N, C-alpha and C. Protein backbone atom coordinates (compact mmCIF):
# COMPACT_ATOMS: atom_id res chain seq x y z
N MET A 1 3.59 38.32 -37.94
CA MET A 1 3.24 36.92 -38.13
C MET A 1 3.78 36.07 -36.98
N TYR A 2 5.08 36.13 -36.71
CA TYR A 2 5.68 35.40 -35.59
C TYR A 2 6.33 36.40 -34.65
N ASP A 3 6.42 36.03 -33.39
CA ASP A 3 7.14 36.87 -32.44
C ASP A 3 8.61 36.82 -32.76
N ALA A 4 9.31 37.89 -32.54
CA ALA A 4 10.73 37.99 -32.85
C ALA A 4 11.57 36.89 -32.20
N PRO A 5 11.33 36.53 -30.90
CA PRO A 5 12.16 35.49 -30.30
C PRO A 5 12.04 34.14 -30.99
N LEU A 6 10.91 33.90 -31.63
CA LEU A 6 10.72 32.60 -32.30
C LEU A 6 11.52 32.51 -33.58
N LEU A 7 11.87 33.65 -34.15
CA LEU A 7 12.61 33.65 -35.40
C LEU A 7 14.09 33.91 -35.17
N ASP A 8 14.71 33.06 -34.36
CA ASP A 8 16.15 33.18 -34.18
C ASP A 8 16.84 32.74 -35.46
N GLU A 9 18.13 32.91 -35.53
CA GLU A 9 18.86 32.63 -36.76
C GLU A 9 18.73 31.18 -37.24
N PRO A 10 18.87 30.17 -36.35
CA PRO A 10 18.70 28.78 -36.83
C PRO A 10 17.29 28.52 -37.39
N ALA A 11 16.28 29.08 -36.75
CA ALA A 11 14.90 28.89 -37.22
C ALA A 11 14.71 29.56 -38.57
N ARG A 12 15.27 30.75 -38.71
CA ARG A 12 15.19 31.48 -39.99
C ARG A 12 15.87 30.69 -41.11
N GLU A 13 17.04 30.13 -40.79
CA GLU A 13 17.78 29.35 -41.78
C GLU A 13 17.03 28.07 -42.14
N ALA A 14 16.46 27.40 -41.16
CA ALA A 14 15.68 26.19 -41.43
C ALA A 14 14.49 26.50 -42.33
N LEU A 15 13.83 27.61 -42.06
CA LEU A 15 12.68 28.02 -42.88
C LEU A 15 13.13 28.36 -44.30
N ARG A 16 14.26 29.04 -44.42
CA ARG A 16 14.78 29.40 -45.74
C ARG A 16 15.12 28.15 -46.54
N LEU A 17 15.81 27.20 -45.91
CA LEU A 17 16.19 25.96 -46.60
C LEU A 17 14.96 25.14 -46.99
N ALA A 18 13.99 25.09 -46.10
CA ALA A 18 12.77 24.34 -46.39
C ALA A 18 12.00 24.98 -47.55
N SER A 19 11.94 26.29 -47.57
CA SER A 19 11.26 27.00 -48.66
C SER A 19 11.97 26.76 -49.99
N ALA A 20 13.29 26.77 -49.97
CA ALA A 20 14.06 26.51 -51.18
C ALA A 20 13.83 25.08 -51.67
N ALA A 21 13.78 24.13 -50.73
CA ALA A 21 13.52 22.73 -51.10
C ALA A 21 12.13 22.59 -51.71
N LEU A 22 11.16 23.31 -51.16
CA LEU A 22 9.81 23.26 -51.71
C LEU A 22 9.77 23.86 -53.11
N ASP A 23 10.46 24.97 -53.32
CA ASP A 23 10.52 25.57 -54.67
C ASP A 23 11.11 24.60 -55.67
N ALA A 24 12.20 23.93 -55.29
CA ALA A 24 12.84 22.97 -56.19
C ALA A 24 11.93 21.79 -56.48
N ALA A 25 11.25 21.30 -55.46
CA ALA A 25 10.35 20.16 -55.64
C ALA A 25 9.15 20.54 -56.51
N GLN A 26 8.64 21.76 -56.35
CA GLN A 26 7.52 22.21 -57.17
C GLN A 26 7.91 22.29 -58.63
N ALA A 27 9.14 22.69 -58.90
CA ALA A 27 9.61 22.79 -60.28
C ALA A 27 9.61 21.42 -60.96
N LYS A 28 9.87 20.38 -60.19
CA LYS A 28 9.92 19.02 -60.74
C LYS A 28 8.55 18.33 -60.68
N ALA A 29 7.66 18.82 -59.84
CA ALA A 29 6.34 18.22 -59.63
C ALA A 29 6.45 16.73 -59.27
N ASP A 30 7.46 16.42 -58.48
CA ASP A 30 7.71 15.06 -58.03
C ASP A 30 7.00 14.82 -56.70
N PRO A 31 6.03 13.89 -56.64
CA PRO A 31 5.29 13.68 -55.40
C PRO A 31 6.18 13.36 -54.19
N TYR A 32 7.19 12.52 -54.40
CA TYR A 32 8.09 12.17 -53.28
C TYR A 32 8.87 13.40 -52.82
N GLY A 33 9.41 14.15 -53.77
CA GLY A 33 10.16 15.36 -53.44
C GLY A 33 9.29 16.41 -52.78
N MET A 34 8.05 16.55 -53.25
CA MET A 34 7.12 17.50 -52.64
C MET A 34 6.83 17.10 -51.19
N THR A 35 6.63 15.81 -50.98
CA THR A 35 6.34 15.35 -49.62
C THR A 35 7.52 15.64 -48.70
N GLN A 36 8.73 15.32 -49.16
CA GLN A 36 9.92 15.56 -48.34
C GLN A 36 10.08 17.05 -48.04
N ALA A 37 9.88 17.90 -49.05
CA ALA A 37 10.02 19.34 -48.86
C ALA A 37 8.97 19.87 -47.88
N LEU A 38 7.75 19.37 -48.00
CA LEU A 38 6.69 19.81 -47.08
C LEU A 38 6.95 19.31 -45.66
N LEU A 39 7.51 18.13 -45.52
CA LEU A 39 7.91 17.63 -44.20
C LEU A 39 8.97 18.55 -43.59
N GLN A 40 9.92 18.95 -44.44
CA GLN A 40 10.97 19.85 -43.98
C GLN A 40 10.38 21.20 -43.56
N LEU A 41 9.44 21.70 -44.34
CA LEU A 41 8.80 22.98 -44.01
C LEU A 41 7.99 22.86 -42.72
N ALA A 42 7.31 21.75 -42.54
CA ALA A 42 6.56 21.53 -41.30
C ALA A 42 7.52 21.47 -40.11
N GLY A 43 8.66 20.81 -40.31
CA GLY A 43 9.67 20.74 -39.25
C GLY A 43 10.19 22.11 -38.86
N ALA A 44 10.37 22.98 -39.85
CA ALA A 44 10.83 24.35 -39.57
C ALA A 44 9.79 25.09 -38.75
N HIS A 45 8.52 24.90 -39.07
CA HIS A 45 7.47 25.57 -38.30
C HIS A 45 7.35 24.97 -36.89
N THR A 46 7.59 23.70 -36.76
CA THR A 46 7.61 23.08 -35.43
C THR A 46 8.74 23.68 -34.61
N GLN A 47 9.89 23.85 -35.24
CA GLN A 47 11.05 24.44 -34.58
C GLN A 47 10.74 25.87 -34.12
N MET A 48 9.88 26.57 -34.85
CA MET A 48 9.51 27.94 -34.51
C MET A 48 8.33 27.98 -33.54
N ASN A 49 7.92 26.81 -33.03
CA ASN A 49 6.79 26.72 -32.11
C ASN A 49 5.50 27.21 -32.76
N ALA A 50 5.28 26.79 -34.00
CA ALA A 50 4.06 27.12 -34.74
C ALA A 50 3.41 25.81 -35.18
N PRO A 51 2.85 25.04 -34.22
CA PRO A 51 2.32 23.71 -34.56
C PRO A 51 1.14 23.74 -35.52
N ALA A 52 0.32 24.78 -35.49
CA ALA A 52 -0.82 24.83 -36.41
C ALA A 52 -0.33 24.98 -37.85
N CYS A 53 0.70 25.79 -38.07
CA CYS A 53 1.28 25.92 -39.41
C CYS A 53 1.90 24.60 -39.84
N ALA A 54 2.61 23.96 -38.91
CA ALA A 54 3.22 22.66 -39.22
C ALA A 54 2.15 21.65 -39.62
N GLU A 55 1.04 21.65 -38.89
CA GLU A 55 -0.03 20.71 -39.20
C GLU A 55 -0.60 20.96 -40.60
N THR A 56 -0.72 22.22 -40.97
CA THR A 56 -1.23 22.56 -42.30
C THR A 56 -0.31 22.01 -43.39
N TYR A 57 1.00 22.21 -43.22
CA TYR A 57 1.95 21.70 -44.21
C TYR A 57 1.95 20.17 -44.23
N LEU A 58 1.76 19.56 -43.09
CA LEU A 58 1.71 18.10 -43.04
C LEU A 58 0.47 17.55 -43.73
N GLN A 59 -0.65 18.27 -43.64
CA GLN A 59 -1.86 17.85 -44.36
C GLN A 59 -1.59 17.83 -45.87
N ILE A 60 -0.91 18.85 -46.35
CA ILE A 60 -0.58 18.92 -47.78
C ILE A 60 0.41 17.80 -48.12
N ALA A 61 1.39 17.58 -47.23
CA ALA A 61 2.38 16.52 -47.45
C ALA A 61 1.71 15.16 -47.53
N LEU A 62 0.66 14.95 -46.74
CA LEU A 62 -0.06 13.67 -46.78
C LEU A 62 -0.69 13.44 -48.14
N ARG A 63 -1.25 14.47 -48.72
CA ARG A 63 -1.84 14.31 -50.07
C ARG A 63 -0.76 13.94 -51.09
N TRP A 64 0.39 14.59 -51.00
CA TRP A 64 1.48 14.27 -51.93
C TRP A 64 2.03 12.86 -51.68
N ALA A 65 2.14 12.46 -50.43
CA ALA A 65 2.64 11.11 -50.12
C ALA A 65 1.70 10.05 -50.69
N ARG A 66 0.42 10.31 -50.58
CA ARG A 66 -0.54 9.36 -51.16
C ARG A 66 -0.42 9.32 -52.67
N ASN A 67 -0.17 10.48 -53.29
CA ASN A 67 0.03 10.52 -54.75
C ASN A 67 1.29 9.78 -55.17
N ALA A 68 2.27 9.74 -54.27
CA ALA A 68 3.53 9.03 -54.56
C ALA A 68 3.36 7.52 -54.43
N HIS A 69 2.24 7.08 -53.86
CA HIS A 69 1.97 5.65 -53.62
C HIS A 69 3.10 5.00 -52.83
N ALA A 70 3.59 5.73 -51.84
CA ALA A 70 4.68 5.24 -51.00
C ALA A 70 4.14 5.00 -49.58
N SER A 71 3.94 3.74 -49.25
CA SER A 71 3.36 3.40 -47.94
C SER A 71 4.22 3.92 -46.79
N ASP A 72 5.54 3.71 -46.88
CA ASP A 72 6.43 4.14 -45.81
C ASP A 72 6.32 5.65 -45.58
N LEU A 73 6.33 6.38 -46.67
CA LEU A 73 6.26 7.84 -46.59
C LEU A 73 4.91 8.28 -46.04
N THR A 74 3.85 7.66 -46.48
CA THR A 74 2.51 8.00 -45.99
C THR A 74 2.40 7.74 -44.50
N VAL A 75 2.92 6.62 -44.03
CA VAL A 75 2.88 6.29 -42.61
C VAL A 75 3.70 7.30 -41.82
N ASP A 76 4.87 7.68 -42.34
CA ASP A 76 5.70 8.65 -41.65
C ASP A 76 4.98 9.99 -41.52
N VAL A 77 4.34 10.44 -42.59
CA VAL A 77 3.61 11.70 -42.55
C VAL A 77 2.44 11.60 -41.56
N LEU A 78 1.73 10.48 -41.56
CA LEU A 78 0.62 10.31 -40.62
C LEU A 78 1.10 10.37 -39.17
N CYS A 79 2.26 9.79 -38.90
CA CYS A 79 2.82 9.86 -37.54
C CYS A 79 3.14 11.30 -37.17
N GLU A 80 3.78 12.02 -38.09
CA GLU A 80 4.10 13.43 -37.84
C GLU A 80 2.82 14.24 -37.66
N LEU A 81 1.85 13.96 -38.48
CA LEU A 81 0.57 14.68 -38.43
C LEU A 81 -0.16 14.42 -37.11
N SER A 82 -0.15 13.19 -36.65
CA SER A 82 -0.82 12.89 -35.38
C SER A 82 -0.13 13.61 -34.23
N SER A 83 1.18 13.65 -34.27
CA SER A 83 1.93 14.34 -33.22
C SER A 83 1.68 15.85 -33.27
N ALA A 84 1.67 16.42 -34.47
CA ALA A 84 1.42 17.86 -34.62
C ALA A 84 0.01 18.22 -34.14
N ALA A 85 -0.97 17.41 -34.50
CA ALA A 85 -2.35 17.69 -34.08
C ALA A 85 -2.48 17.62 -32.56
N GLU A 86 -1.77 16.68 -31.95
CA GLU A 86 -1.82 16.57 -30.50
C GLU A 86 -1.14 17.78 -29.85
N THR A 87 -0.07 18.28 -30.46
CA THR A 87 0.59 19.48 -29.95
C THR A 87 -0.33 20.70 -30.07
N VAL A 88 -1.06 20.78 -31.18
CA VAL A 88 -2.05 21.85 -31.35
C VAL A 88 -3.11 21.74 -30.25
N ALA A 89 -3.56 20.52 -29.97
CA ALA A 89 -4.58 20.32 -28.91
C ALA A 89 -4.06 20.80 -27.56
N GLU A 90 -2.81 20.47 -27.25
CA GLU A 90 -2.22 20.91 -25.98
C GLU A 90 -2.19 22.44 -25.90
N ALA A 91 -1.77 23.08 -26.99
CA ALA A 91 -1.71 24.55 -27.01
C ALA A 91 -3.10 25.16 -26.85
N GLN A 92 -4.07 24.58 -27.52
CA GLN A 92 -5.44 25.09 -27.40
C GLN A 92 -5.98 24.91 -25.98
N ASP A 93 -5.70 23.75 -25.39
CA ASP A 93 -6.15 23.50 -24.02
C ASP A 93 -5.47 24.44 -23.03
N ALA A 94 -4.23 24.82 -23.32
CA ALA A 94 -3.52 25.75 -22.44
C ALA A 94 -4.19 27.12 -22.43
N CYS A 95 -4.74 27.50 -23.59
CA CYS A 95 -5.43 28.80 -23.69
C CYS A 95 -6.84 28.74 -23.10
N ALA A 96 -7.54 27.66 -23.41
CA ALA A 96 -8.92 27.49 -22.93
C ALA A 96 -9.15 26.00 -22.71
N PRO A 97 -9.16 25.57 -21.45
CA PRO A 97 -9.32 24.14 -21.16
C PRO A 97 -10.51 23.53 -21.91
N GLY A 98 -10.23 22.38 -22.53
CA GLY A 98 -11.26 21.66 -23.28
C GLY A 98 -11.38 22.05 -24.74
N SER A 99 -10.68 23.11 -25.15
CA SER A 99 -10.81 23.58 -26.53
C SER A 99 -9.99 22.75 -27.52
N GLY A 100 -9.14 21.87 -27.03
CA GLY A 100 -8.31 21.06 -27.91
C GLY A 100 -8.95 19.75 -28.34
N HIS A 101 -10.21 19.58 -28.04
CA HIS A 101 -10.90 18.31 -28.33
C HIS A 101 -10.85 17.94 -29.83
N VAL A 102 -11.17 18.88 -30.70
CA VAL A 102 -11.22 18.59 -32.14
C VAL A 102 -9.82 18.24 -32.66
N ALA A 103 -8.81 18.98 -32.22
CA ALA A 103 -7.44 18.69 -32.65
C ALA A 103 -7.00 17.32 -32.13
N ARG A 104 -7.41 16.99 -30.90
CA ARG A 104 -7.05 15.69 -30.33
C ARG A 104 -7.73 14.56 -31.12
N GLU A 105 -8.94 14.78 -31.58
CA GLU A 105 -9.62 13.78 -32.42
C GLU A 105 -8.87 13.59 -33.74
N ARG A 106 -8.37 14.68 -34.31
CA ARG A 106 -7.56 14.57 -35.54
C ARG A 106 -6.31 13.75 -35.26
N ALA A 107 -5.69 14.00 -34.12
CA ALA A 107 -4.48 13.25 -33.75
C ALA A 107 -4.78 11.76 -33.67
N ARG A 108 -5.88 11.43 -33.03
CA ARG A 108 -6.27 10.01 -32.92
C ARG A 108 -6.54 9.40 -34.29
N ASP A 109 -7.28 10.13 -35.11
CA ASP A 109 -7.61 9.61 -36.45
C ASP A 109 -6.35 9.31 -37.25
N HIS A 110 -5.40 10.23 -37.21
CA HIS A 110 -4.15 10.02 -37.96
C HIS A 110 -3.35 8.86 -37.36
N ALA A 111 -3.34 8.76 -36.04
CA ALA A 111 -2.62 7.67 -35.39
C ALA A 111 -3.23 6.32 -35.75
N TYR A 112 -4.55 6.23 -35.74
CA TYR A 112 -5.20 4.96 -36.07
C TYR A 112 -4.97 4.59 -37.53
N GLU A 113 -5.02 5.58 -38.42
CA GLU A 113 -4.75 5.28 -39.83
C GLU A 113 -3.31 4.80 -40.00
N ALA A 114 -2.38 5.44 -39.32
CA ALA A 114 -0.98 5.00 -39.40
C ALA A 114 -0.83 3.58 -38.87
N SER A 115 -1.57 3.25 -37.80
CA SER A 115 -1.46 1.90 -37.25
C SER A 115 -1.99 0.85 -38.22
N MET A 116 -3.02 1.22 -38.97
CA MET A 116 -3.57 0.27 -39.96
C MET A 116 -2.60 0.08 -41.12
N LEU A 117 -1.88 1.13 -41.50
CA LEU A 117 -0.95 1.04 -42.63
C LEU A 117 0.43 0.55 -42.21
N ALA A 118 0.70 0.50 -40.91
CA ALA A 118 2.05 0.16 -40.43
C ALA A 118 2.53 -1.20 -40.93
N SER A 119 1.63 -2.14 -41.09
CA SER A 119 2.05 -3.48 -41.53
C SER A 119 2.51 -3.47 -42.99
N ARG A 120 2.27 -2.38 -43.71
CA ARG A 120 2.70 -2.30 -45.11
C ARG A 120 4.09 -1.71 -45.30
N VAL A 121 4.71 -1.22 -44.22
CA VAL A 121 6.03 -0.61 -44.38
C VAL A 121 7.04 -1.69 -44.73
N ALA A 122 8.13 -1.25 -45.34
CA ALA A 122 9.10 -2.18 -45.89
C ALA A 122 9.93 -2.90 -44.82
N ASP A 123 10.14 -2.28 -43.69
CA ASP A 123 11.06 -2.81 -42.68
C ASP A 123 10.31 -3.09 -41.38
N PRO A 124 10.32 -4.35 -40.91
CA PRO A 124 9.62 -4.67 -39.66
C PRO A 124 10.17 -3.89 -38.46
N GLN A 125 11.45 -3.57 -38.46
CA GLN A 125 12.02 -2.78 -37.37
C GLN A 125 11.40 -1.39 -37.35
N TRP A 126 11.21 -0.82 -38.54
CA TRP A 126 10.60 0.50 -38.62
C TRP A 126 9.13 0.42 -38.23
N GLU A 127 8.48 -0.68 -38.55
CA GLU A 127 7.08 -0.86 -38.14
C GLU A 127 6.97 -0.79 -36.62
N MET A 128 7.93 -1.40 -35.92
CA MET A 128 7.92 -1.32 -34.46
C MET A 128 8.04 0.13 -33.99
N LYS A 129 8.94 0.86 -34.61
CA LYS A 129 9.14 2.26 -34.23
C LYS A 129 7.88 3.08 -34.50
N VAL A 130 7.22 2.80 -35.61
CA VAL A 130 5.97 3.49 -35.94
C VAL A 130 4.93 3.22 -34.86
N LEU A 131 4.78 1.97 -34.47
CA LEU A 131 3.79 1.61 -33.46
C LEU A 131 4.10 2.28 -32.12
N LEU A 132 5.37 2.40 -31.79
CA LEU A 132 5.74 3.06 -30.54
C LEU A 132 5.51 4.57 -30.63
N ARG A 133 5.76 5.16 -31.81
CA ARG A 133 5.46 6.59 -32.00
C ARG A 133 3.96 6.85 -31.83
N ILE A 134 3.17 5.98 -32.44
CA ILE A 134 1.71 6.10 -32.35
C ILE A 134 1.27 5.93 -30.90
N SER A 135 1.88 4.98 -30.21
CA SER A 135 1.56 4.74 -28.82
C SER A 135 1.80 6.00 -27.98
N ASP A 136 2.90 6.68 -28.23
CA ASP A 136 3.20 7.91 -27.49
C ASP A 136 2.11 8.97 -27.71
N VAL A 137 1.70 9.13 -28.97
CA VAL A 137 0.67 10.13 -29.27
C VAL A 137 -0.64 9.75 -28.59
N LEU A 138 -1.03 8.48 -28.70
CA LEU A 138 -2.28 8.05 -28.09
C LEU A 138 -2.24 8.21 -26.57
N ASP A 139 -1.09 7.96 -25.99
CA ASP A 139 -0.94 8.15 -24.55
C ASP A 139 -1.11 9.63 -24.18
N ARG A 140 -0.51 10.52 -24.95
CA ARG A 140 -0.65 11.96 -24.70
C ARG A 140 -2.09 12.41 -24.91
N CYS A 141 -2.83 11.70 -25.78
CA CYS A 141 -4.25 12.02 -26.00
C CYS A 141 -5.14 11.47 -24.88
N GLY A 142 -4.55 10.67 -24.00
CA GLY A 142 -5.32 10.09 -22.91
C GLY A 142 -5.88 8.72 -23.22
N ASP A 143 -5.52 8.15 -24.36
CA ASP A 143 -6.01 6.83 -24.78
C ASP A 143 -5.01 5.76 -24.33
N ARG A 144 -4.93 5.53 -23.04
CA ARG A 144 -3.90 4.64 -22.50
C ARG A 144 -4.09 3.19 -22.95
N ALA A 145 -5.32 2.72 -23.00
CA ALA A 145 -5.56 1.33 -23.41
C ALA A 145 -5.12 1.11 -24.86
N ASP A 146 -5.43 2.06 -25.73
CA ASP A 146 -5.00 1.93 -27.12
C ASP A 146 -3.49 2.06 -27.24
N ALA A 147 -2.89 2.91 -26.41
CA ALA A 147 -1.44 3.06 -26.41
C ALA A 147 -0.77 1.74 -26.02
N VAL A 148 -1.30 1.08 -25.01
CA VAL A 148 -0.76 -0.21 -24.59
C VAL A 148 -0.94 -1.25 -25.69
N GLN A 149 -2.06 -1.19 -26.38
CA GLN A 149 -2.31 -2.12 -27.48
C GLN A 149 -1.24 -1.96 -28.57
N MET A 150 -0.88 -0.71 -28.89
CA MET A 150 0.17 -0.46 -29.90
C MET A 150 1.52 -0.96 -29.39
N GLN A 151 1.79 -0.76 -28.10
CA GLN A 151 3.03 -1.26 -27.53
C GLN A 151 3.09 -2.78 -27.60
N THR A 152 1.96 -3.42 -27.36
CA THR A 152 1.90 -4.87 -27.41
C THR A 152 2.15 -5.37 -28.83
N ARG A 153 1.58 -4.68 -29.82
CA ARG A 153 1.87 -5.04 -31.22
C ARG A 153 3.35 -4.92 -31.52
N ALA A 154 3.95 -3.85 -31.02
CA ALA A 154 5.39 -3.65 -31.24
C ALA A 154 6.20 -4.75 -30.57
N LEU A 155 5.81 -5.12 -29.36
CA LEU A 155 6.53 -6.18 -28.65
C LEU A 155 6.38 -7.52 -29.36
N ARG A 156 5.22 -7.76 -29.95
CA ARG A 156 5.05 -9.00 -30.73
C ARG A 156 6.00 -9.01 -31.92
N LEU A 157 6.19 -7.86 -32.54
CA LEU A 157 7.13 -7.79 -33.66
C LEU A 157 8.56 -8.02 -33.18
N MET A 158 8.87 -7.49 -32.00
CA MET A 158 10.21 -7.70 -31.44
C MET A 158 10.46 -9.17 -31.17
N ALA A 159 9.43 -9.86 -30.68
CA ALA A 159 9.57 -11.28 -30.35
C ALA A 159 9.64 -12.14 -31.60
N GLY A 160 9.14 -11.63 -32.72
CA GLY A 160 9.18 -12.37 -33.98
C GLY A 160 8.32 -13.61 -33.92
N PRO A 161 8.76 -14.66 -34.60
CA PRO A 161 7.97 -15.89 -34.65
C PRO A 161 7.72 -16.50 -33.27
N ALA A 162 8.58 -16.20 -32.31
CA ALA A 162 8.40 -16.73 -30.96
C ALA A 162 7.13 -16.17 -30.31
N ALA A 163 6.64 -15.04 -30.80
CA ALA A 163 5.43 -14.43 -30.23
C ALA A 163 4.22 -15.35 -30.37
N GLU A 164 4.22 -16.19 -31.40
CA GLU A 164 3.09 -17.09 -31.61
C GLU A 164 3.00 -18.13 -30.50
N THR A 165 4.15 -18.46 -29.89
CA THR A 165 4.15 -19.48 -28.84
C THR A 165 3.95 -18.90 -27.46
N LEU A 166 3.97 -17.55 -27.36
CA LEU A 166 3.78 -16.92 -26.06
C LEU A 166 2.34 -17.09 -25.60
N ASN A 167 2.19 -17.26 -24.34
CA ASN A 167 0.87 -17.34 -23.72
C ASN A 167 0.18 -16.00 -23.93
N PRO A 168 -1.02 -15.96 -24.53
CA PRO A 168 -1.69 -14.68 -24.79
C PRO A 168 -1.99 -13.90 -23.52
N HIS A 169 -2.03 -14.56 -22.37
CA HIS A 169 -2.29 -13.87 -21.11
C HIS A 169 -1.04 -13.13 -20.64
N VAL A 170 0.13 -13.48 -21.18
CA VAL A 170 1.37 -12.81 -20.82
C VAL A 170 1.54 -11.52 -21.62
N MET A 171 1.02 -11.48 -22.84
CA MET A 171 1.22 -10.31 -23.71
C MET A 171 0.75 -9.00 -23.09
N PRO A 172 -0.41 -8.92 -22.41
CA PRO A 172 -0.79 -7.64 -21.80
C PRO A 172 0.24 -7.19 -20.76
N VAL A 173 0.84 -8.14 -20.05
CA VAL A 173 1.87 -7.78 -19.07
C VAL A 173 3.08 -7.21 -19.79
N LEU A 174 3.44 -7.81 -20.94
CA LEU A 174 4.55 -7.29 -21.72
C LEU A 174 4.27 -5.87 -22.19
N GLY A 175 3.02 -5.59 -22.53
CA GLY A 175 2.65 -4.25 -22.95
C GLY A 175 2.93 -3.23 -21.86
N ARG A 176 2.65 -3.60 -20.63
CA ARG A 176 2.90 -2.68 -19.52
C ARG A 176 4.38 -2.50 -19.30
N LEU A 177 5.21 -3.49 -19.63
CA LEU A 177 6.65 -3.35 -19.49
C LEU A 177 7.19 -2.25 -20.40
N ALA A 178 6.52 -2.05 -21.53
CA ALA A 178 6.97 -1.01 -22.45
C ALA A 178 6.75 0.38 -21.87
N ASP A 179 5.89 0.51 -20.86
CA ASP A 179 5.67 1.80 -20.22
C ASP A 179 6.85 2.20 -19.33
N GLN A 180 7.66 1.23 -18.96
CA GLN A 180 8.75 1.52 -18.02
C GLN A 180 9.96 2.07 -18.72
């Protein structure tokens, strides 16, 4: 299933702990606990350099997060999912140039959904971090204009109420500052 070098002791332990957390969460049938356990399991697979497996667990985690009706958790899973899909796209492109197109489209879709839900998260500071995470994924997907747009939204949040008084022609320049 996996190459021996990928299953070093820390990776094996992470996978064991994640599997145990999933077993415990399944026993309780708690949507929040299931989501957290599946996130942990996806993280273990990411650590083992198995992004496709991680993406599969994240897809399941997204369904549980939606069942938990937790906006913050759903946005977090969408961010992880967009990053995992983009990593899958990179791996596919490394094997056969251009073959990562479908995975990259999934990454974009998850990123855009996360951006739409970002305003519902409980903490405005975390909303900024979400927008910057999304921006990174979109940039890696080659969507630089959309990445800058997410950075600009984050900068507006950083500026707070003062952003309303900023000259709208200055905001695109501020977006480029986030690239530095």
